[in-house]
Amino acid sequence: MQAGVPAGAVNTVPQAFAQPHTAYRDMLIQSEGHRAPGIPVKLARTPASAGRRPPRFGEHTVEILAWSRRN
């Protein structure tokens, strides 16, 4: 910092989510047993919201394979 180079600590993911600023910015989404980073861009007139949880491993395999056979 004294040399005029902006710098800061490099955090692990758990350390980053433990920061007060992360909580203030609502950067941790917890829903249906799933934890994920929140939406980083905050717009006053058009606020974003998280949709559904991501699919579990193999959750839609049968549907995807059936769709791919039809197309």
PDB file of N, CA and C in Angstrom:
ATOM      1  N   MET A   1       0.818  -1.184   0.000  1.00  0.00           N
ATOM      2  CA  MET A   1       0.000   0.000   0.000  1.00  0.00           C
ATOM      3  C   MET A   1       0.873   1.264   0.000  1.00  0.00           C
ATOM      4  N   GLN A   2       1.976   1.220   0.704  1.00  0.00           N
ATOM      5  CA  GLN A   2       2.847   2.385   0.762  1.00  0.00           C
ATOM      6  C   GLN A   2       3.435   2.695  -0.609  1.00  0.00           C
ATOM      7  N   ALA A   3       3.627   1.682  -1.440  1.00  0.00           N
ATOM      8  CA  ALA A   3       4.186   1.886  -2.777  1.00  0.00           C
ATOM      9  C   ALA A   3       3.109   2.295  -3.783  1.00  0.00           C
ATOM     10  N   GLY A   4       1.859   2.415  -3.330  1.00  0.00           N
ATOM     11  CA  GLY A   4       0.782   2.821  -4.219  1.00  0.00           C
ATOM     12  C   GLY A   4       0.146   1.667  -4.982  1.00  0.00           C
ATOM     13  N   VAL A   5       0.450   0.465  -4.572  1.00  0.00           N
ATOM     14  CA  VAL A   5      -0.133  -0.708  -5.216  1.00  0.00           C
ATOM     15  C   VAL A   5      -1.317  -1.180  -4.375  1.00  0.00           C
ATOM     16  N   PRO A   6      -2.523  -1.191  -4.946  1.00  0.00           N
ATOM     17  CA  PRO A   6      -3.659  -1.681  -4.156  1.00  0.00           C
ATOM     18  C   PRO A   6      -3.501  -3.176  -3.917  1.00  0.00           C
ATOM     19  N   ALA A   7      -3.683  -3.584  -2.687  1.00  0.00           N
ATOM     20  CA  ALA A   7      -3.514  -4.988  -2.339  1.00  0.00           C
ATOM     21  C   ALA A   7      -4.422  -5.333  -1.176  1.00  0.00           C
ATOM     22  N   GLY A   8      -4.664  -6.602  -1.025  1.00  0.00           N
ATOM     23  CA  GLY A   8      -5.481  -7.070   0.086  1.00  0.00           C
ATOM     24  C   GLY A   8      -5.231  -8.537   0.315  1.00  0.00           C
ATOM     25  N   ALA A   9      -5.805  -9.031   1.385  1.00  0.00           N
ATOM     26  CA  ALA A   9      -5.653 -10.441   1.726  1.00  0.00           C
ATOM     27  C   ALA A   9      -6.383 -11.317   0.713  1.00  0.00           C
ATOM     28  N   VAL A  10      -5.831 -12.485   0.482  1.00  0.00           N
ATOM     29  CA  VAL A  10      -6.496 -13.471  -0.354  1.00  0.00           C
ATOM     30  C   VAL A  10      -7.168 -14.462   0.597  1.00  0.00           C
ATOM     31  N   ASN A  11      -8.484 -14.580   0.487  1.00  0.00           N
ATOM     32  CA  ASN A  11      -9.248 -15.433   1.389  1.00  0.00           C
ATOM     33  C   ASN A  11      -9.618 -16.754   0.730  1.00  0.00           C
ATOM     34  N   THR A  12      -9.807 -17.750   1.567  1.00  0.00           N
ATOM     35  CA  THR A  12     -10.429 -18.984   1.088  1.00  0.00           C
ATOM     36  C   THR A  12     -11.922 -18.703   0.955  1.00  0.00           C
ATOM     37  N   VAL A  13     -12.650 -19.597   0.332  1.00  0.00           N
ATOM     38  CA  VAL A  13     -14.103 -19.396   0.188  1.00  0.00           C
ATOM     39  C   VAL A  13     -14.773 -19.289   1.554  1.00  0.00           C
ATOM     40  N   PRO A  14     -14.503 -20.189   2.510  1.00  0.00           N
ATOM     41  CA  PRO A  14     -15.137 -20.022   3.825  1.00  0.00           C
ATOM     42  C   PRO A  14     -14.773 -18.693   4.504  1.00  0.00           C
ATOM     43  N   GLN A  15     -13.521 -18.260   4.350  1.00  0.00           N
ATOM     44  CA  GLN A  15     -13.125 -16.970   4.922  1.00  0.00           C
ATOM     45  C   GLN A  15     -13.862 -15.818   4.245  1.00  0.00           C
ATOM     46  N   ALA A  16     -14.009 -15.898   2.943  1.00  0.00           N
ATOM     47  CA  ALA A  16     -14.712 -14.839   2.214  1.00  0.00           C
ATOM     48  C   ALA A  16     -16.167 -14.750   2.656  1.00  0.00           C
ATOM     49  N   PHE A  17     -16.827 -15.895   2.837  1.00  0.00           N
ATOM     50  CA  PHE A  17     -18.224 -15.879   3.261  1.00  0.00           C
ATOM     51  C   PHE A  17     -18.390 -15.467   4.716  1.00  0.00           C
ATOM     52  N   ALA A  18     -17.326 -15.512   5.506  1.00  0.00           N
ATOM     53  CA  ALA A  18     -17.387 -15.095   6.908  1.00  0.00           C
ATOM     54  C   ALA A  18     -17.201 -13.591   7.070  1.00  0.00           C
ATOM     55  N   GLN A  19     -16.850 -12.876   6.026  1.00  0.00           N
ATOM     56  CA  GLN A  19     -16.606 -11.435   6.102  1.00  0.00           C
ATOM     57  C   GLN A  19     -17.914 -10.671   6.319  1.00  0.00           C
ATOM     58  N   PRO A  20     -17.900  -9.628   7.139  1.00  0.00           N
ATOM     59  CA  PRO A  20     -19.110  -8.823   7.356  1.00  0.00           C
ATOM     60  C   PRO A  20     -19.653  -8.212   6.060  1.00  0.00           C
ATOM     61  N   HIS A  21     -18.768  -7.816   5.177  1.00  0.00           N
ATOM     62  CA  HIS A  21     -19.212  -7.200   3.913  1.00  0.00           C
ATOM     63  C   HIS A  21     -19.991  -8.203   3.062  1.00  0.00           C
ATOM     64  N   THR A  22     -19.599  -9.470   3.129  1.00  0.00           N
ATOM     65  CA  THR A  22     -20.307 -10.506   2.375  1.00  0.00           C
ATOM     66  C   THR A  22     -21.742 -10.623   2.866  1.00  0.00           C
ATOM     67  N   ALA A  23     -21.933 -10.605   4.171  1.00  0.00           N
ATOM     68  CA  ALA A  23     -23.287 -10.665   4.731  1.00  0.00           C
ATOM     69  C   ALA A  23     -24.075  -9.409   4.369  1.00  0.00           C
ATOM     70  N   TYR A  24     -23.437  -8.251   4.456  1.00  0.00           N
ATOM     71  CA  TYR A  24     -24.102  -6.989   4.132  1.00  0.00           C
ATOM     72  C   TYR A  24     -24.575  -6.971   2.680  1.00  0.00           C
ATOM     73  N   ARG A  25     -23.770  -7.518   1.776  1.00  0.00           N
ATOM     74  CA  ARG A  25     -24.114  -7.539   0.350  1.00  0.00           C
ATOM     75  C   ARG A  25     -25.002  -8.714  -0.018  1.00  0.00           C
ATOM     76  N   ASP A  26     -25.387  -9.534   0.965  1.00  0.00           N
ATOM     77  CA  ASP A  26     -26.260 -10.686   0.735  1.00  0.00           C
ATOM     78  C   ASP A  26     -25.668 -11.610  -0.321  1.00  0.00           C
ATOM     79  N   MET A  27     -24.400 -11.976  -0.104  1.00  0.00           N
ATOM     80  CA  MET A  27     -23.665 -12.752  -1.094  1.00  0.00           C
ATOM     81  C   MET A  27     -23.639 -14.253  -0.831  1.00  0.00           C
ATOM     82  N   LEU A  28     -24.448 -14.734   0.098  1.00  0.00           N
ATOM     83  CA  LEU A  28     -24.550 -16.172   0.324  1.00  0.00           C
ATOM     84  C   LEU A  28     -26.016 -16.557   0.251  1.00  0.00           C
ATOM     85  N   ILE A  29     -26.340 -17.407  -0.692  1.00  0.00           N
ATOM     86  CA  ILE A  29     -27.705 -17.889  -0.854  1.00  0.00           C
ATOM     87  C   ILE A  29     -27.781 -19.276  -0.228  1.00  0.00           C
ATOM     88  N   GLN A  30     -28.754 -19.480   0.637  1.00  0.00           N
ATOM     89  CA  GLN A  30     -28.982 -20.785   1.240  1.00  0.00           C
ATOM     90  C   GLN A  30     -30.445 -21.141   1.024  1.00  0.00           C
ATOM     91  N   SER A  31     -30.677 -22.195   0.263  1.00  0.00           N
ATOM     92  CA  SER A  31     -32.039 -22.596  -0.064  1.00  0.00           C
ATOM     93  C   SER A  31     -32.082 -24.087  -0.333  1.00  0.00           C
ATOM     94  N   GLU A  32     -33.060 -24.752   0.222  1.00  0.00           N
ATOM     95  CA  GLU A  32     -33.280 -26.183  -0.011  1.00  0.00           C
ATOM     96  C   GLU A  32     -32.017 -27.007   0.248  1.00  0.00           C
ATOM     97  N   GLY A  33     -31.272 -26.668   1.292  1.00  0.00           N
ATOM     98  CA  GLY A  33     -30.064 -27.404   1.616  1.00  0.00           C
ATOM     99  C   GLY A  33     -28.890 -27.110   0.700  1.00  0.00           C
ATOM    100  N   HIS A  34     -28.997 -26.094  -0.128  1.00  0.00           N
ATOM    101  CA  HIS A  34     -27.944 -25.732  -1.073  1.00  0.00           C
ATOM    102  C   HIS A  34     -27.385 -24.374  -0.688  1.00  0.00           C
ATOM    103  N   ARG A  35     -26.066 -24.246  -0.713  1.00  0.00           N
ATOM    104  CA  ARG A  35     -25.394 -22.966  -0.457  1.00  0.00           C
ATOM    105  C   ARG A  35     -24.654 -22.558  -1.714  1.00  0.00           C
ATOM    106  N   ALA A  36     -24.744 -21.289  -2.084  1.00  0.00           N
ATOM    107  CA  ALA A  36     -24.089 -20.805  -3.290  1.00  0.00           C
ATOM    108  C   ALA A  36     -23.789 -19.317  -3.146  1.00  0.00           C
ATOM    109  N   PRO A  37     -22.860 -18.816  -3.956  1.00  0.00           N
ATOM    110  CA  PRO A  37     -22.621 -17.367  -3.967  1.00  0.00           C
ATOM    111  C   PRO A  37     -23.861 -16.633  -4.456  1.00  0.00           C
ATOM    112  N   GLY A  38     -24.094 -15.457  -3.893  1.00  0.00           N
ATOM    113  CA  GLY A  38     -25.237 -14.654  -4.299  1.00  0.00           C
ATOM    114  C   GLY A  38     -24.978 -13.931  -5.609  1.00  0.00           C
ATOM    115  N   ILE A  39     -25.914 -13.103  -5.987  1.00  0.00           N
ATOM    116  CA  ILE A  39     -25.825 -12.359  -7.234  1.00  0.00           C
ATOM    117  C   ILE A  39     -24.995 -11.097  -6.971  1.00  0.00           C
ATOM    118  N   PRO A  40     -23.857 -10.936  -7.670  1.00  0.00           N
ATOM    119  CA  PRO A  40     -22.928  -9.865  -7.327  1.00  0.00           C
ATOM    120  C   PRO A  40     -23.400  -8.472  -7.731  1.00  0.00           C
ATOM    121  N   VAL A  41     -24.199  -8.347  -8.765  1.00  0.00           N
ATOM    122  CA  VAL A  41     -24.638  -7.034  -9.234  1.00  0.00           C
ATOM    123  C   VAL A  41     -25.970  -6.706  -8.573  1.00  0.00           C
ATOM    124  N   LYS A  42     -26.018  -5.599  -7.874  1.00  0.00           N
ATOM    125  CA  LYS A  42     -27.229  -5.186  -7.166  1.00  0.00           C
ATOM    126  C   LYS A  42     -27.796  -3.945  -7.861  1.00  0.00           C
ATOM    127  N   LEU A  43     -28.963  -4.084  -8.465  1.00  0.00           N
ATOM    128  CA  LEU A  43     -29.604  -2.982  -9.162  1.00  0.00           C
ATOM    129  C   LEU A  43     -30.887  -2.598  -8.430  1.00  0.00           C
ATOM    130  N   ALA A  44     -31.061  -1.316  -8.143  1.00  0.00           N
ATOM    131  CA  ALA A  44     -32.202  -0.860  -7.361  1.00  0.00           C
ATOM    132  C   ALA A  44     -33.524  -1.041  -8.113  1.00  0.00           C
ATOM    133  N   ARG A  45     -33.555  -0.718  -9.389  1.00  0.00           N
ATOM    134  CA  ARG A  45     -34.813  -0.777 -10.147  1.00  0.00           C
ATOM    135  C   ARG A  45     -35.162  -2.170 -10.648  1.00  0.00           C
ATOM    136  N   THR A  46     -34.152  -2.979 -10.874  1.00  0.00           N
ATOM    137  CA  THR A  46     -34.390  -4.336 -11.374  1.00  0.00           C
ATOM    138  C   THR A  46     -33.564  -5.334 -10.564  1.00  0.00           C
ATOM    139  N   PRO A  47     -33.955  -5.549  -9.317  1.00  0.00           N
ATOM    140  CA  PRO A  47     -33.164  -6.464  -8.482  1.00  0.00           C
ATOM    141  C   PRO A  47     -33.255  -7.905  -8.995  1.00  0.00           C
ATOM    142  N   ALA A  48     -32.153  -8.581  -8.941  1.00  0.00           N
ATOM    143  CA  ALA A  48     -32.114  -9.979  -9.362  1.00  0.00           C
ATOM    144  C   ALA A  48     -32.493 -10.866  -8.186  1.00  0.00           C
ATOM    145  N   SER A  49     -32.899 -12.069  -8.492  1.00  0.00           N
ATOM    146  CA  SER A  49     -33.175 -13.033  -7.436  1.00  0.00           C
ATOM    147  C   SER A  49     -32.712 -14.406  -7.908  1.00  0.00           C
ATOM    148  N   ALA A  50     -32.341 -15.209  -6.950  1.00  0.00           N
ATOM    149  CA  ALA A  50     -31.889 -16.556  -7.286  1.00  0.00           C
ATOM    150  C   ALA A  50     -33.096 -17.404  -7.661  1.00  0.00           C
ATOM    151  N   GLY A  51     -32.896 -18.244  -8.640  1.00  0.00           N
ATOM    152  CA  GLY A  51     -33.968 -19.135  -9.062  1.00  0.00           C
ATOM    153  C   GLY A  51     -33.957 -20.412  -8.251  1.00  0.00           C
ATOM    154  N   ARG A  52     -34.090 -21.487  -8.932  1.00  0.00           N
ATOM    155  CA  ARG A  52     -34.104 -22.786  -8.263  1.00  0.00           C
ATOM    156  C   ARG A  52     -32.685 -23.252  -7.968  1.00  0.00           C
ATOM    157  N   ARG A  53     -32.590 -24.271  -7.151  1.00  0.00           N
ATOM    158  CA  ARG A  53     -31.287 -24.865  -6.849  1.00  0.00           C
ATOM    159  C   ARG A  53     -30.765 -25.557  -8.098  1.00  0.00           C
ATOM    160  N   PRO A  54     -29.464 -25.731  -8.198  1.00  0.00           N
ATOM    161  CA  PRO A  54     -28.925 -26.464  -9.341  1.00  0.00           C
ATOM    162  C   PRO A  54     -29.317 -27.936  -9.243  1.00  0.00           C
ATOM    163  N   PRO A  55     -29.360 -28.639 -10.352  1.00  0.00           N
ATOM    164  CA  PRO A  55     -29.742 -30.050 -10.288  1.00  0.00           C
ATOM    165  C   PRO A  55     -28.677 -30.870  -9.571  1.00  0.00           C
ATOM    166  N   ARG A  56     -29.129 -31.910  -8.917  1.00  0.00           N
ATOM    167  CA  ARG A  56     -28.199 -32.851  -8.294  1.00  0.00           C
ATOM    168  C   ARG A  56     -27.565 -33.697  -9.391  1.00  0.00           C
ATOM    169  N   PHE A  57     -26.439 -34.298  -9.092  1.00  0.00           N
ATOM    170  CA  PHE A  57     -25.715 -35.104 -10.069  1.00  0.00           C
ATOM    171  C   PHE A  57     -26.631 -36.202 -10.602  1.00  0.00           C
ATOM    172  N   GLY A  58     -26.829 -36.206 -11.908  1.00  0.00           N
ATOM    173  CA  GLY A  58     -27.637 -37.227 -12.561  1.00  0.00           C
ATOM    174  C   GLY A  58     -29.135 -37.058 -12.415  1.00  0.00           C
ATOM    175  N   GLU A  59     -29.587 -35.966 -11.833  1.00  0.00           N
ATOM    176  CA  GLU A  59     -31.012 -35.783 -11.552  1.00  0.00           C
ATOM    177  C   GLU A  59     -31.871 -35.789 -12.821  1.00  0.00           C
ATOM    178  N   HIS A  60     -31.375 -35.234 -13.904  1.00  0.00           N
ATOM    179  CA  HIS A  60     -32.168 -35.127 -15.133  1.00  0.00           C
ATOM    180  C   HIS A  60     -31.628 -35.976 -16.267  1.00  0.00           C
ATOM    181  N   THR A  61     -30.813 -36.962 -15.952  1.00  0.00           N
ATOM    182  CA  THR A  61     -30.169 -37.768 -16.982  1.00  0.00           C
ATOM    183  C   THR A  61     -31.183 -38.435 -17.912  1.00  0.00           C
ATOM    184  N   VAL A  62     -32.203 -39.043 -17.351  1.00  0.00           N
ATOM    185  CA  VAL A  62     -33.189 -39.762 -18.162  1.00  0.00           C
ATOM    186  C   VAL A  62     -33.906 -38.797 -19.109  1.00  0.00           C
ATOM    187  N   GLU A  63     -34.308 -37.646 -18.607  1.00  0.00           N
ATOM    188  CA  GLU A  63     -35.007 -36.665 -19.455  1.00  0.00           C
ATOM    189  C   GLU A  63     -34.100 -36.139 -20.566  1.00  0.00           C
ATOM    190  N   ILE A  64     -32.853 -35.872 -20.247  1.00  0.00           N
ATOM    191  CA  ILE A  64     -31.920 -35.343 -21.245  1.00  0.00           C
ATOM    192  C   ILE A  64     -31.647 -36.381 -22.322  1.00  0.00           C
ATOM    193  N   LEU A  65     -31.437 -37.618 -21.932  1.00  0.00           N
ATOM    194  CA  LEU A  65     -31.187 -38.663 -22.919  1.00  0.00           C
ATOM    195  C   LEU A  65     -32.415 -38.901 -23.803  1.00  0.00           C
ATOM    196  N   ALA A  66     -33.602 -38.858 -23.205  1.00  0.00           N
ATOM    197  CA  ALA A  66     -34.834 -39.021 -24.000  1.00  0.00           C
ATOM    198  C   ALA A  66     -34.981 -37.864 -24.977  1.00  0.00           C
ATOM    199  N   TRP A  67     -34.692 -36.655 -24.539  1.00  0.00           N
ATOM    200  CA  TRP A  67     -34.788 -35.493 -25.419  1.00  0.00           C
ATOM    201  C   TRP A  67     -33.777 -35.593 -26.555  1.00  0.00           C
ATOM    202  N   SER A  68     -32.552 -36.016 -26.242  1.00  0.00           N
ATOM    203  CA  SER A  68     -31.512 -36.079 -27.265  1.00  0.00           C
ATOM    204  C   SER A  68     -31.831 -37.154 -28.315  1.00  0.00           C
ATOM    205  N   ARG A  69     -32.524 -38.193 -27.925  1.00  0.00           N
ATOM    206  CA  ARG A  69     -32.912 -39.228 -28.896  1.00  0.00           C
ATOM    207  C   ARG A  69     -33.986 -38.722 -29.840  1.00  0.00           C
ATOM    208  N   ARG A  70     -34.842 -37.839 -29.367  1.00  0.00           N
ATOM    209  CA  ARG A  70     -35.917 -37.286 -30.222  1.00  0.00           C
ATOM    210  C   ARG A  70     -35.378 -36.251 -31.195  1.00  0.00           C
ATOM    211  N   ASN A  71     -34.275 -35.616 -30.856  1.00  0.00           N
ATOM    212  CA  ASN A  71     -33.764 -34.515 -31.703  1.00  0.00           C
ATOM    213  C   ASN A  71     -32.573 -34.912 -32.492  1.00  0.00           C
TER     214      ASN A  71
END
